[in-house]
């Protein structure tokens, strides 16, 4: 339980730093965009590999499917929002 609490606290602190990050110029914006793209694609790859491996053992964890679905829906939703309003 303490380990889960520590991981949750670390993730919350990291999310706070990511959300408060300030962009100074175009280079910073490009670096942030590339880092975001790499993180999204690596998360998608890890979850897809886990999904396939669990599919081979016939015991797919629903949280993996949910995480993949949420990542894809949020990516499309954010893209549509930012294209339309920003």
N, C-alpha and C. Protein backbone atom coordinates (compact mmCIF):
# COMPACT_ATOMS: atom_id res chain seq x y z
N UNK A 1 0.82 -1.19 0.00
CA UNK A 1 0.00 0.00 0.00
C UNK A 1 0.87 1.26 0.00
N UNK A 2 1.95 1.22 0.72
CA UNK A 2 2.84 2.39 0.75
C UNK A 2 3.46 2.61 -0.61
N UNK A 3 3.82 1.51 -1.29
CA UNK A 3 4.39 1.62 -2.64
C UNK A 3 3.40 2.27 -3.61
N UNK A 4 2.14 1.85 -3.53
CA UNK A 4 1.12 2.45 -4.39
C UNK A 4 0.94 3.94 -4.08
N UNK A 5 0.97 4.28 -2.82
CA UNK A 5 0.85 5.68 -2.42
C UNK A 5 2.02 6.50 -2.94
N UNK A 6 3.23 5.95 -2.85
CA UNK A 6 4.41 6.67 -3.33
C UNK A 6 4.37 6.85 -4.85
N UNK A 7 4.00 5.80 -5.57
CA UNK A 7 3.92 5.91 -7.03
C UNK A 7 2.86 6.93 -7.42
N UNK A 8 1.72 6.93 -6.75
CA UNK A 8 0.66 7.89 -7.03
C UNK A 8 1.14 9.31 -6.77
N UNK A 9 1.83 9.52 -5.67
CA UNK A 9 2.35 10.85 -5.35
C UNK A 9 3.37 11.31 -6.38
N UNK A 10 4.25 10.42 -6.80
CA UNK A 10 5.26 10.77 -7.79
C UNK A 10 4.61 11.13 -9.13
N UNK A 11 3.61 10.36 -9.53
CA UNK A 11 2.91 10.65 -10.78
C UNK A 11 2.19 11.99 -10.71
N UNK A 12 1.58 12.28 -9.57
CA UNK A 12 0.89 13.58 -9.41
C UNK A 12 1.87 14.75 -9.47
N UNK A 13 3.01 14.61 -8.83
CA UNK A 13 4.03 15.67 -8.87
C UNK A 13 4.54 15.85 -10.30
N UNK A 14 4.82 14.74 -10.98
CA UNK A 14 5.29 14.82 -12.37
C UNK A 14 4.24 15.47 -13.26
N UNK A 15 2.97 15.11 -13.10
CA UNK A 15 1.90 15.71 -13.89
C UNK A 15 1.81 17.20 -13.62
N UNK A 16 2.02 17.61 -12.39
CA UNK A 16 2.02 19.04 -12.06
C UNK A 16 3.14 19.78 -12.78
N UNK A 17 4.32 19.20 -12.82
CA UNK A 17 5.43 19.84 -13.55
C UNK A 17 5.13 19.92 -15.04
N UNK A 18 4.56 18.87 -15.60
CA UNK A 18 4.25 18.87 -17.03
C UNK A 18 3.20 19.93 -17.35
N UNK A 19 2.18 20.04 -16.52
CA UNK A 19 1.10 20.99 -16.78
C UNK A 19 1.56 22.45 -16.60
N UNK A 20 2.52 22.71 -15.74
CA UNK A 20 2.96 24.08 -15.48
C UNK A 20 4.13 24.51 -16.36
N UNK A 21 4.57 23.63 -17.23
CA UNK A 21 5.71 23.92 -18.10
C UNK A 21 5.39 25.10 -19.02
N UNK A 22 6.28 26.04 -19.09
CA UNK A 22 6.09 27.24 -19.92
C UNK A 22 6.90 27.11 -21.21
N UNK A 23 6.30 27.54 -22.30
CA UNK A 23 6.96 27.51 -23.60
C UNK A 23 7.48 28.92 -23.90
N UNK A 24 8.78 29.03 -24.13
CA UNK A 24 9.39 30.34 -24.35
C UNK A 24 9.46 30.70 -25.84
N UNK A 25 9.75 29.75 -26.70
CA UNK A 25 9.87 30.04 -28.13
C UNK A 25 9.45 28.83 -28.95
N UNK A 26 9.61 28.93 -30.25
CA UNK A 26 9.18 27.86 -31.15
C UNK A 26 9.96 26.57 -30.93
N UNK A 27 11.23 26.72 -30.58
CA UNK A 27 12.05 25.54 -30.32
C UNK A 27 11.53 24.75 -29.14
N UNK A 28 11.17 25.46 -28.07
CA UNK A 28 10.59 24.78 -26.90
C UNK A 28 9.28 24.10 -27.26
N UNK A 29 8.47 24.75 -28.06
CA UNK A 29 7.20 24.16 -28.49
C UNK A 29 7.45 22.89 -29.32
N UNK A 30 8.43 22.94 -30.18
CA UNK A 30 8.76 21.77 -31.00
C UNK A 30 9.28 20.62 -30.14
N UNK A 31 10.14 20.93 -29.16
CA UNK A 31 10.67 19.90 -28.28
C UNK A 31 9.55 19.27 -27.45
N UNK A 32 8.65 20.11 -26.96
CA UNK A 32 7.52 19.60 -26.16
C UNK A 32 6.61 18.72 -27.02
N UNK A 33 6.37 19.14 -28.26
CA UNK A 33 5.53 18.36 -29.16
C UNK A 33 6.17 17.01 -29.48
N UNK A 34 7.47 17.01 -29.75
CA UNK A 34 8.17 15.76 -30.05
C UNK A 34 8.21 14.83 -28.84
N UNK A 35 8.42 15.39 -27.65
CA UNK A 35 8.42 14.58 -26.44
C UNK A 35 7.04 13.98 -26.20
N UNK A 36 6.01 14.76 -26.43
CA UNK A 36 4.64 14.28 -26.27
C UNK A 36 4.33 13.15 -27.25
N UNK A 37 4.75 13.33 -28.48
CA UNK A 37 4.53 12.31 -29.50
C UNK A 37 5.27 11.02 -29.16
N UNK A 38 6.51 11.13 -28.72
CA UNK A 38 7.29 9.95 -28.36
C UNK A 38 6.66 9.23 -27.16
N UNK A 39 6.20 9.98 -26.17
CA UNK A 39 5.58 9.36 -25.01
C UNK A 39 4.29 8.66 -25.39
N UNK A 40 3.47 9.29 -26.23
CA UNK A 40 2.21 8.68 -26.66
C UNK A 40 2.47 7.39 -27.44
N UNK A 41 3.40 7.45 -28.38
CA UNK A 41 3.67 6.27 -29.20
C UNK A 41 4.30 5.14 -28.39
N UNK A 42 5.15 5.46 -27.43
CA UNK A 42 5.74 4.40 -26.60
C UNK A 42 4.69 3.78 -25.69
N UNK A 43 3.81 4.59 -25.14
CA UNK A 43 2.72 4.04 -24.33
C UNK A 43 1.80 3.17 -25.16
N UNK A 44 1.49 3.60 -26.37
CA UNK A 44 0.65 2.83 -27.28
C UNK A 44 1.33 1.51 -27.64
N UNK A 45 2.63 1.54 -27.88
CA UNK A 45 3.37 0.32 -28.23
C UNK A 45 3.39 -0.67 -27.07
N UNK A 46 3.66 -0.20 -25.86
CA UNK A 46 3.73 -1.08 -24.69
C UNK A 46 2.36 -1.71 -24.43
N UNK A 47 1.29 -0.90 -24.50
CA UNK A 47 -0.04 -1.45 -24.26
C UNK A 47 -0.46 -2.42 -25.36
N UNK A 48 -0.07 -2.15 -26.60
CA UNK A 48 -0.40 -3.06 -27.70
C UNK A 48 0.33 -4.38 -27.54
N UNK A 49 1.59 -4.33 -27.16
CA UNK A 49 2.36 -5.56 -26.92
C UNK A 49 1.73 -6.35 -25.78
N UNK A 50 1.36 -5.67 -24.70
CA UNK A 50 0.71 -6.36 -23.58
C UNK A 50 -0.61 -6.98 -24.01
N UNK A 51 -1.37 -6.26 -24.83
CA UNK A 51 -2.65 -6.76 -25.33
C UNK A 51 -2.44 -8.02 -26.17
N UNK A 52 -1.47 -8.01 -27.05
CA UNK A 52 -1.19 -9.17 -27.91
C UNK A 52 -0.70 -10.35 -27.08
N UNK A 53 0.22 -10.11 -26.16
CA UNK A 53 0.75 -11.19 -25.33
C UNK A 53 -0.34 -11.81 -24.46
N UNK A 54 -1.21 -10.98 -23.91
CA UNK A 54 -2.30 -11.53 -23.12
C UNK A 54 -3.33 -12.22 -24.00
N UNK A 55 -3.48 -11.75 -25.23
CA UNK A 55 -4.38 -12.41 -26.16
C UNK A 55 -3.91 -13.81 -26.49
N UNK A 56 -2.60 -14.00 -26.53
CA UNK A 56 -2.05 -15.32 -26.81
C UNK A 56 -2.31 -16.30 -25.66
N UNK A 57 -2.43 -15.79 -24.45
CA UNK A 57 -2.70 -16.65 -23.29
C UNK A 57 -4.20 -16.72 -22.99
N UNK A 58 -5.01 -16.05 -23.78
CA UNK A 58 -6.48 -16.07 -23.65
C UNK A 58 -6.96 -15.52 -22.31
N UNK A 59 -6.25 -14.55 -21.76
CA UNK A 59 -6.69 -13.90 -20.52
C UNK A 59 -6.39 -12.41 -20.60
N UNK A 60 -7.17 -11.70 -21.41
CA UNK A 60 -6.92 -10.28 -21.63
C UNK A 60 -7.46 -9.47 -20.46
N UNK A 61 -6.63 -8.64 -19.89
CA UNK A 61 -7.01 -7.75 -18.80
C UNK A 61 -7.81 -6.59 -19.39
N UNK A 62 -9.02 -6.34 -18.91
CA UNK A 62 -9.84 -5.26 -19.47
C UNK A 62 -9.21 -3.88 -19.32
N UNK A 63 -8.35 -3.70 -18.32
CA UNK A 63 -7.75 -2.38 -18.13
C UNK A 63 -6.81 -2.03 -19.27
N UNK A 64 -6.19 -3.02 -19.90
CA UNK A 64 -5.31 -2.75 -21.04
C UNK A 64 -6.14 -2.26 -22.23
N UNK A 65 -7.25 -2.93 -22.48
CA UNK A 65 -8.14 -2.50 -23.57
C UNK A 65 -8.69 -1.11 -23.29
N UNK A 66 -9.07 -0.86 -22.05
CA UNK A 66 -9.59 0.46 -21.68
C UNK A 66 -8.53 1.55 -21.85
N UNK A 67 -7.31 1.27 -21.41
CA UNK A 67 -6.24 2.26 -21.54
C UNK A 67 -5.95 2.56 -23.01
N UNK A 68 -5.90 1.54 -23.85
CA UNK A 68 -5.68 1.75 -25.28
C UNK A 68 -6.80 2.60 -25.87
N UNK A 69 -8.03 2.25 -25.55
CA UNK A 69 -9.17 2.99 -26.07
C UNK A 69 -9.18 4.44 -25.62
N UNK A 70 -8.89 4.67 -24.35
CA UNK A 70 -8.87 6.04 -23.82
C UNK A 70 -7.76 6.85 -24.48
N UNK A 71 -6.59 6.26 -24.67
CA UNK A 71 -5.49 6.99 -25.31
C UNK A 71 -5.86 7.41 -26.72
N UNK A 72 -6.48 6.52 -27.45
CA UNK A 72 -6.83 6.83 -28.84
C UNK A 72 -7.94 7.87 -28.91
N UNK A 73 -8.98 7.71 -28.08
CA UNK A 73 -10.10 8.66 -28.10
C UNK A 73 -9.64 10.05 -27.65
N UNK A 74 -8.83 10.12 -26.62
CA UNK A 74 -8.34 11.42 -26.14
C UNK A 74 -7.44 12.07 -27.18
N UNK A 75 -6.61 11.29 -27.85
CA UNK A 75 -5.74 11.84 -28.89
C UNK A 75 -6.57 12.47 -30.01
N UNK A 76 -7.59 11.73 -30.49
CA UNK A 76 -8.45 12.28 -31.54
C UNK A 76 -9.25 13.48 -31.04
N UNK A 77 -9.76 13.38 -29.82
CA UNK A 77 -10.53 14.49 -29.26
C UNK A 77 -9.69 15.75 -29.10
N UNK A 78 -8.48 15.60 -28.60
CA UNK A 78 -7.60 16.75 -28.44
C UNK A 78 -7.22 17.34 -29.79
N UNK A 79 -6.98 16.50 -30.75
CA UNK A 79 -6.63 16.99 -32.10
C UNK A 79 -7.77 17.81 -32.70
N UNK A 80 -8.99 17.29 -32.59
CA UNK A 80 -10.15 18.01 -33.11
C UNK A 80 -10.35 19.33 -32.36
N UNK A 81 -10.23 19.29 -31.03
CA UNK A 81 -10.41 20.50 -30.23
C UNK A 81 -9.38 21.57 -30.60
N UNK A 82 -8.12 21.20 -30.65
CA UNK A 82 -7.08 22.18 -30.92
C UNK A 82 -7.11 22.68 -32.36
N UNK A 83 -7.53 21.84 -33.31
CA UNK A 83 -7.68 22.31 -34.69
C UNK A 83 -8.82 23.30 -34.80
N UNK A 84 -9.86 23.09 -34.03
CA UNK A 84 -11.05 23.92 -34.14
C UNK A 84 -10.95 25.22 -33.33
N UNK A 85 -10.39 25.15 -32.11
CA UNK A 85 -10.45 26.30 -31.20
C UNK A 85 -9.12 26.97 -30.91
N UNK A 86 -8.03 26.42 -31.29
CA UNK A 86 -6.73 27.05 -30.96
C UNK A 86 -5.98 27.42 -32.21
